[in-house]
Amino acid sequence: MIVSVSRRTDIPAFYSEWFFNRLKDGFVDVPNPFNDKQISRITLSPNTVDCFVFWTKDATPMLPRLDELNGYNYYFQFTITPYGKDVELGVINKKIILESFKKLSHKIGSKRVILRYDPIFLNETYTKEYHVRAFENLCYKLQGYTEKCIISFIDYYKKTERNTKCLNILKMTEDDINFICENFSNIAEKYGIKIETCSEKYNLEKYGINHGRCIDDKLISDILCFEIDVEKDPYQREECGCVKSIDIGEYNTCKHNCLYCYANFNYEQVKIKSDLHDPLSSLLTGKLKDDMKIHVREMPRLKKLIHPIKQQSLF
């Protein structure tokens, strides 16, 4: 099974000690997002986890402990944006983040560290010209440290629209998108980086930008050294190309407090839940209670895709 760590929060940045404790104990308990009394127990052994996919804006806390992942397969989705503290309230200095990205790439290889430049939005400060300059600067600094960059444009969920109201975000036109993508494509090609989109409806193939998948069966096949057969994740949006995985995070727990984030929709809850965090607990926040029902989740291993053997002609 593929385990996502995590779309819902930044476990590497804020909860890495807890995660490594979960590896030692061999399991993690994950509440149902819609009913916190229902708990899924996920086995975290090398015999059940085919691949971890880590999502982060700062891998620094994990760097000294990567050896504890020996026996596991994994890669990182690493987000670096050009926004300041007006947008990303809790994100640390970007110079430190860039160094963290480089150190991680040096340790595990450029193929297994995917750069994310998302979400892209426009306002009077963050113009399309600003994004082009910022993207070139980022690619210049990360040349050779990554092979792929995932981009996306901001999605207006109700909670996102409410939280970003102070930013006066402008509606993006088709011309804006074409300008950004044409320039990004030229820049990425110059620095040897391939661009893909995340959950986007736009067809950008004319710029050499294809629809991507962040939980990527092709990359995982490459890491595992055999081709896998895994279905698209039915719980993700139609535009999302990700394959099926289990996520072990919780919403309203990420202390980056980015205004555009879909996973944080109540900042008071972020403070409350993060204060409940215990690195020794099987739950990310709080502890197991008697009224919680635990269901041990099945962890089927990924199937190898076996191609039919072609019969060679004798003539």
Protein backbone atom coordinates (compact mmCIF):
# COMPACT_ATOMS: atom_id res chain seq x y z
CA MET A 1 0.00 0.00 0.00
CA ILE A 2 1.10 3.59 -0.66
CA VAL A 3 0.99 5.80 2.45
CA SER A 4 0.63 9.58 2.10
CA VAL A 5 2.41 11.61 4.82
CA SER A 6 0.38 13.84 4.38
CA ARG A 7 -1.93 15.90 2.19
CA ARG A 8 -3.73 17.08 5.33
CA THR A 9 -0.79 18.52 7.27
CA ASP A 10 3.00 18.93 7.21
CA ILE A 11 4.19 15.92 9.21
CA PRO A 12 7.89 16.25 8.22
CA ALA A 13 8.04 19.88 9.41
CA PHE A 14 6.01 19.66 12.63
CA TYR A 15 5.44 16.04 13.62
CA SER A 16 8.48 14.08 12.48
CA GLU A 17 9.33 12.81 15.99
CA TRP A 18 5.80 11.41 16.24
CA PHE A 19 6.15 9.81 12.81
CA PHE A 20 9.40 8.04 13.68
CA ASN A 21 7.84 6.84 16.93
CA ARG A 22 5.00 5.40 14.87
CA LEU A 23 7.54 3.51 12.75
CA LYS A 24 9.10 2.03 15.89
CA ASP A 25 5.70 0.93 17.22
CA GLY A 26 4.72 -0.36 13.80
CA PHE A 27 1.33 1.31 13.41
CA VAL A 28 -0.54 4.61 13.41
CA ASP A 29 -4.14 5.39 14.35
CA VAL A 30 -6.00 7.78 12.03
CA PRO A 31 -9.44 9.23 12.86
CA ASN A 32 -12.10 9.43 10.20
CA PRO A 33 -12.23 13.14 9.12
CA PHE A 34 -16.03 13.03 9.40
CA ASN A 35 -16.28 10.99 12.63
CA ASP A 36 -13.37 11.17 15.07
CA LYS A 37 -14.72 8.19 17.04
CA GLN A 38 -13.95 5.90 14.10
CA ILE A 39 -10.25 5.04 14.01
CA SER A 40 -8.33 3.28 11.25
CA ARG A 41 -5.24 1.46 12.45
CA ILE A 42 -2.60 1.50 9.72
CA THR A 43 0.30 -0.97 9.90
CA LEU A 44 3.60 0.75 9.13
CA SER A 45 6.05 -2.07 8.53
CA PRO A 46 8.29 -2.52 5.45
CA ASN A 47 6.15 -5.58 4.69
CA THR A 48 2.95 -3.53 4.37
CA VAL A 49 4.13 -0.10 3.12
CA ASP A 50 5.16 -0.20 -0.52
CA CYS A 51 6.04 3.49 -0.59
CA PHE A 52 5.75 6.60 1.58
CA VAL A 53 4.94 9.90 -0.14
CA PHE A 54 5.98 12.81 2.08
CA TRP A 55 4.49 16.30 1.58
CA THR A 56 6.32 19.22 3.15
CA LYS A 57 7.39 22.85 3.08
CA ASP A 58 10.37 22.14 5.33
CA ALA A 59 12.13 18.77 5.58
CA THR A 60 14.78 20.07 8.00
CA PRO A 61 13.59 18.10 11.08
CA MET A 62 13.73 14.81 9.14
CA LEU A 63 17.19 15.20 7.60
CA PRO A 64 19.21 13.79 10.55
CA ARG A 65 16.88 10.77 10.81
CA LEU A 66 16.55 9.55 7.24
CA ASP A 67 18.52 6.41 8.13
CA GLU A 68 15.50 5.34 10.17
CA LEU A 69 13.68 4.95 6.85
CA ASN A 70 16.07 2.23 5.72
CA GLY A 71 14.00 -0.68 4.42
CA TYR A 72 11.24 1.64 3.20
CA ASN A 73 10.71 3.18 -0.23
CA TYR A 74 9.78 6.85 -0.34
CA TYR A 75 9.94 10.21 -2.08
CA PHE A 76 9.11 13.82 -1.21
CA GLN A 77 6.71 16.42 -2.60
CA PHE A 78 8.49 19.60 -1.45
CA THR A 79 6.65 22.92 -1.79
CA ILE A 80 8.52 26.20 -2.21
CA THR A 81 6.48 29.27 -3.14
CA PRO A 82 7.47 32.92 -3.70
CA TYR A 83 5.07 34.29 -1.09
CA GLY A 84 5.92 36.23 2.05
CA LYS A 85 4.57 36.33 5.60
CA ASP A 86 1.46 38.14 4.37
CA VAL A 87 0.41 34.82 2.83
CA GLU A 88 2.34 32.09 4.64
CA LEU A 89 2.20 33.19 8.25
CA GLY A 90 4.18 30.34 9.79
CA VAL A 91 6.62 29.37 7.05
CA ILE A 92 10.27 29.82 8.03
CA ASN A 93 12.93 31.75 6.08
CA LYS A 94 13.02 30.55 2.46
CA LYS A 95 16.84 30.48 2.46
CA ILE A 96 16.72 27.77 5.14
CA ILE A 97 14.07 25.90 3.17
CA LEU A 98 16.20 25.99 0.00
CA GLU A 99 19.16 24.55 1.90
CA SER A 100 16.91 21.85 3.32
CA PHE A 101 15.75 20.96 -0.19
CA LYS A 102 19.34 20.71 -1.43
CA LYS A 103 20.49 18.58 1.52
CA LEU A 104 17.53 16.24 1.07
CA SER A 105 18.25 15.90 -2.65
CA HIS A 106 21.92 15.22 -1.92
CA LYS A 107 20.93 12.42 0.47
CA ILE A 108 18.22 10.64 -1.56
CA GLY A 109 18.70 11.84 -5.15
CA SER A 110 17.09 14.48 -7.34
CA LYS A 111 14.51 12.07 -8.77
CA ARG A 112 12.94 11.53 -5.35
CA VAL A 113 12.55 15.22 -4.44
CA ILE A 114 9.73 16.80 -6.45
CA LEU A 115 9.51 20.59 -6.39
CA ARG A 116 6.02 22.04 -5.95
CA TYR A 117 5.32 25.65 -6.96
CA ASP A 118 1.71 25.90 -5.90
CA PRO A 119 -0.77 27.36 -5.65
CA ILE A 120 -0.24 30.20 -8.12
CA PHE A 121 -2.44 33.25 -7.61
CA LEU A 122 -2.28 36.88 -8.71
CA ASN A 123 -2.81 40.17 -6.91
CA GLU A 124 -1.22 43.62 -6.97
CA THR A 125 1.92 42.31 -5.25
CA TYR A 126 2.21 38.86 -6.78
CA THR A 127 1.80 39.67 -10.46
CA LYS A 128 2.38 37.27 -13.33
CA GLU A 129 5.69 39.03 -14.03
CA TYR A 130 6.64 38.55 -10.38
CA HIS A 131 5.94 34.81 -10.66
CA VAL A 132 8.10 34.48 -13.77
CA ARG A 133 11.04 36.18 -12.05
CA ALA A 134 10.56 34.13 -8.89
CA PHE A 135 10.29 30.85 -10.79
CA GLU A 136 13.49 31.53 -12.74
CA ASN A 137 15.33 32.37 -9.53
CA LEU A 138 14.06 29.16 -7.91
CA CYS A 139 14.99 26.96 -10.87
CA TYR A 140 18.43 28.56 -11.05
CA LYS A 141 19.06 27.77 -7.37
CA LEU A 142 17.68 24.23 -7.57
CA GLN A 143 19.22 23.22 -10.90
CA GLY A 144 20.45 19.64 -10.55
CA TYR A 145 18.60 19.11 -7.26
CA THR A 146 15.26 18.10 -8.80
CA GLU A 147 13.99 16.72 -12.09
CA LYS A 148 10.35 17.73 -11.86
CA CYS A 149 8.20 20.67 -10.77
CA ILE A 150 4.47 20.44 -10.06
CA ILE A 151 2.43 23.61 -10.53
CA SER A 152 -1.22 24.44 -9.87
CA PHE A 153 -3.47 27.48 -9.80
CA ILE A 154 -5.40 28.41 -6.68
CA ASP A 155 -8.75 26.68 -6.09
CA TYR A 156 -11.54 28.70 -4.51
CA TYR A 157 -13.09 26.53 -1.87
CA LYS A 158 -15.41 28.43 0.50
CA LYS A 159 -12.84 28.24 3.29
CA THR A 160 -10.03 29.34 0.93
CA GLU A 161 -12.05 32.27 -0.36
CA ARG A 162 -12.80 33.36 3.20
CA ASN A 163 -9.21 33.04 4.44
CA THR A 164 -7.69 34.83 1.42
CA LYS A 165 -10.13 37.75 1.31
CA CYS A 166 -7.47 40.12 2.70
CA LEU A 167 -5.15 39.29 -0.22
CA ASN A 168 -7.47 40.78 -2.88
CA ILE A 169 -6.76 37.95 -5.27
CA LEU A 170 -7.49 38.76 -8.91
CA LYS A 171 -9.44 36.47 -11.19
CA MET A 172 -6.97 34.74 -13.48
CA THR A 173 -7.69 34.98 -17.20
CA GLU A 174 -6.76 32.54 -19.94
CA ASP A 175 -4.15 35.05 -21.12
CA ASP A 176 -2.63 35.12 -17.63
CA ILE A 177 -2.38 31.34 -17.54
CA ASN A 178 -0.86 31.19 -21.02
CA PHE A 179 1.69 33.89 -20.13
CA ILE A 180 2.75 32.09 -16.95
CA CYS A 181 2.90 28.63 -18.50
CA GLU A 182 4.78 29.67 -21.64
CA ASN A 183 7.41 31.46 -19.56
CA PHE A 184 7.61 28.70 -16.94
CA SER A 185 8.06 26.10 -19.66
CA ASN A 186 10.94 27.96 -21.27
CA ILE A 187 12.62 28.52 -17.90
CA ALA A 188 12.22 24.91 -16.76
CA GLU A 189 13.64 23.58 -20.03
CA LYS A 190 16.69 25.81 -19.60
CA TYR A 191 17.39 24.29 -16.18
CA GLY A 192 16.56 20.67 -17.02
CA ILE A 193 13.31 20.50 -15.07
CA LYS A 194 10.07 18.93 -16.30
CA ILE A 195 6.79 20.69 -15.42
CA GLU A 196 3.50 18.92 -14.72
CA THR A 197 0.20 20.23 -13.34
CA CYS A 198 -1.68 19.09 -10.25
CA SER A 199 -5.46 18.63 -10.55
CA GLU A 200 -5.83 21.16 -13.37
CA LYS A 201 -8.51 21.22 -16.07
CA TYR A 202 -6.37 23.32 -18.41
CA ASN A 203 -4.75 21.63 -21.40
CA LEU A 204 -1.20 23.02 -21.51
CA GLU A 205 0.40 20.45 -23.79
CA LYS A 206 1.35 23.17 -26.30
CA TYR A 207 3.84 24.36 -23.66
CA GLY A 208 5.13 20.85 -23.01
CA ILE A 209 3.23 20.76 -19.68
CA ASN A 210 1.20 17.60 -19.07
CA HIS A 211 -1.27 16.58 -16.38
CA GLY A 212 0.65 15.06 -13.48
CA ARG A 213 -0.02 12.78 -10.56
CA CYS A 214 1.51 13.57 -7.19
CA ILE A 215 0.96 10.02 -5.92
CA ASP A 216 2.73 8.77 -9.02
CA ASP A 217 2.59 5.10 -10.01
CA LYS A 218 5.28 5.64 -12.66
CA LEU A 219 7.75 7.13 -10.19
CA ILE A 220 6.89 4.48 -7.60
CA SER A 221 7.44 1.76 -10.20
CA ASP A 222 10.84 3.27 -10.89
CA ILE A 223 11.69 3.34 -7.17
CA LEU A 224 10.46 -0.24 -6.62
CA CYS A 225 12.21 -1.46 -9.78
CA PHE A 226 9.09 -3.17 -11.07
CA GLU A 227 5.95 -1.92 -12.82
CA ILE A 228 2.89 -1.71 -10.58
CA ASP A 229 -0.82 -2.04 -11.22
CA VAL A 230 -2.77 0.42 -9.05
CA GLU A 231 -6.04 2.24 -9.70
CA LYS A 232 -6.73 5.97 -9.64
CA ASP A 233 -7.72 7.25 -6.21
CA PRO A 234 -11.55 7.36 -6.26
CA TYR A 235 -11.68 9.82 -3.33
CA GLN A 236 -9.81 12.60 -5.15
CA ARG A 237 -11.20 15.14 -7.61
CA GLU A 238 -11.86 14.14 -11.22
CA GLU A 239 -8.93 16.26 -12.43
CA CYS A 240 -6.55 14.60 -9.96
CA GLY A 241 -4.37 11.88 -11.48
CA CYS A 242 -3.12 10.44 -8.19
CA VAL A 243 -3.32 6.69 -7.62
CA LYS A 244 -4.82 5.12 -4.53
CA SER A 245 -3.14 5.70 -1.17
CA ILE A 246 -3.86 5.95 2.57
CA ASP A 247 -3.34 9.32 4.25
CA ILE A 248 -2.24 9.37 7.91
CA GLY A 249 -2.62 13.11 8.63
CA GLU A 250 -5.35 15.24 10.21
CA TYR A 251 -6.95 18.47 9.01
CA ASN A 252 -6.49 21.69 11.01
CA THR A 253 -3.07 20.70 12.36
CA CYS A 254 -0.59 22.44 10.04
CA LYS A 255 1.21 25.31 11.76
CA HIS A 256 2.44 26.93 8.54
CA ASN A 257 -0.95 28.71 8.54
CA CYS A 258 -0.90 29.52 4.83
CA LEU A 259 -3.99 31.54 3.95
CA TYR A 260 -4.62 29.59 0.73
CA CYS A 261 -4.54 26.17 2.43
CA TYR A 262 -7.54 23.86 1.96
CA ALA A 263 -6.44 21.60 4.86
CA ASN A 264 -6.65 24.36 7.49
CA PHE A 265 -10.04 26.01 7.68
CA ASN A 266 -10.14 26.97 11.35
CA TYR A 267 -7.00 28.52 12.81
CA GLU A 268 -8.34 28.31 16.37
CA GLN A 269 -8.64 24.57 15.85
CA VAL A 270 -5.05 24.43 14.60
CA LYS A 271 -3.87 25.89 17.91
CA ILE A 272 -6.12 23.61 19.97
CA LYS A 273 -5.24 20.44 18.08
CA SER A 274 -1.51 21.11 17.88
CA ASP A 275 -1.48 21.71 21.64
CA LEU A 276 -3.02 18.25 22.07
CA HIS A 277 -0.20 16.64 20.12
CA ASP A 278 1.80 14.02 22.04
CA PRO A 279 4.80 12.51 20.17
CA LEU A 280 4.20 9.22 22.03
CA SER A 281 0.50 8.91 21.15
CA SER A 282 -0.70 6.64 18.36
CA LEU A 283 -2.92 9.54 17.22
CA LEU A 284 -1.50 12.72 15.71
CA THR A 285 -3.59 14.79 18.15
CA GLY A 286 -4.92 13.62 21.48
CA LYS A 287 -5.01 10.05 22.78
CA LEU A 288 -7.22 7.02 22.31
CA LYS A 289 -10.42 7.02 24.36
CA ASP A 290 -12.73 4.20 25.40
CA ASP A 291 -15.55 5.35 23.11
CA MET A 292 -13.35 5.15 20.00
CA LYS A 293 -13.77 2.15 17.71
CA ILE A 294 -10.58 0.86 16.09
CA HIS A 295 -10.69 -0.84 12.71
CA VAL A 296 -7.47 -2.46 11.48
CA ARG A 297 -7.10 -1.37 7.87
CA GLU A 298 -6.21 -3.94 5.25
CA MET A 299 -2.88 -3.13 3.62
CA PRO A 300 -2.74 -5.02 0.31
CA ARG A 301 0.65 -4.90 -1.36
CA LEU A 302 0.92 -3.33 -4.80
CA LYS A 303 0.46 -5.75 -7.64
CA LYS A 304 3.24 -6.23 -10.12
CA LEU A 305 2.11 -5.56 -13.66
CA ILE A 306 3.03 -8.61 -15.69
CA HIS A 307 3.26 -8.03 -19.41
CA PRO A 308 2.40 -10.91 -21.74
CA ILE A 309 5.45 -12.56 -23.26
CA LYS A 310 5.59 -11.97 -26.99
CA GLN A 311 6.14 -15.09 -29.04
CA GLN A 312 9.14 -14.78 -31.31
CA SER A 313 8.71 -15.90 -34.89
CA LEU A 314 11.01 -18.66 -36.09
CA PHE A 315 10.99 -17.22 -39.60
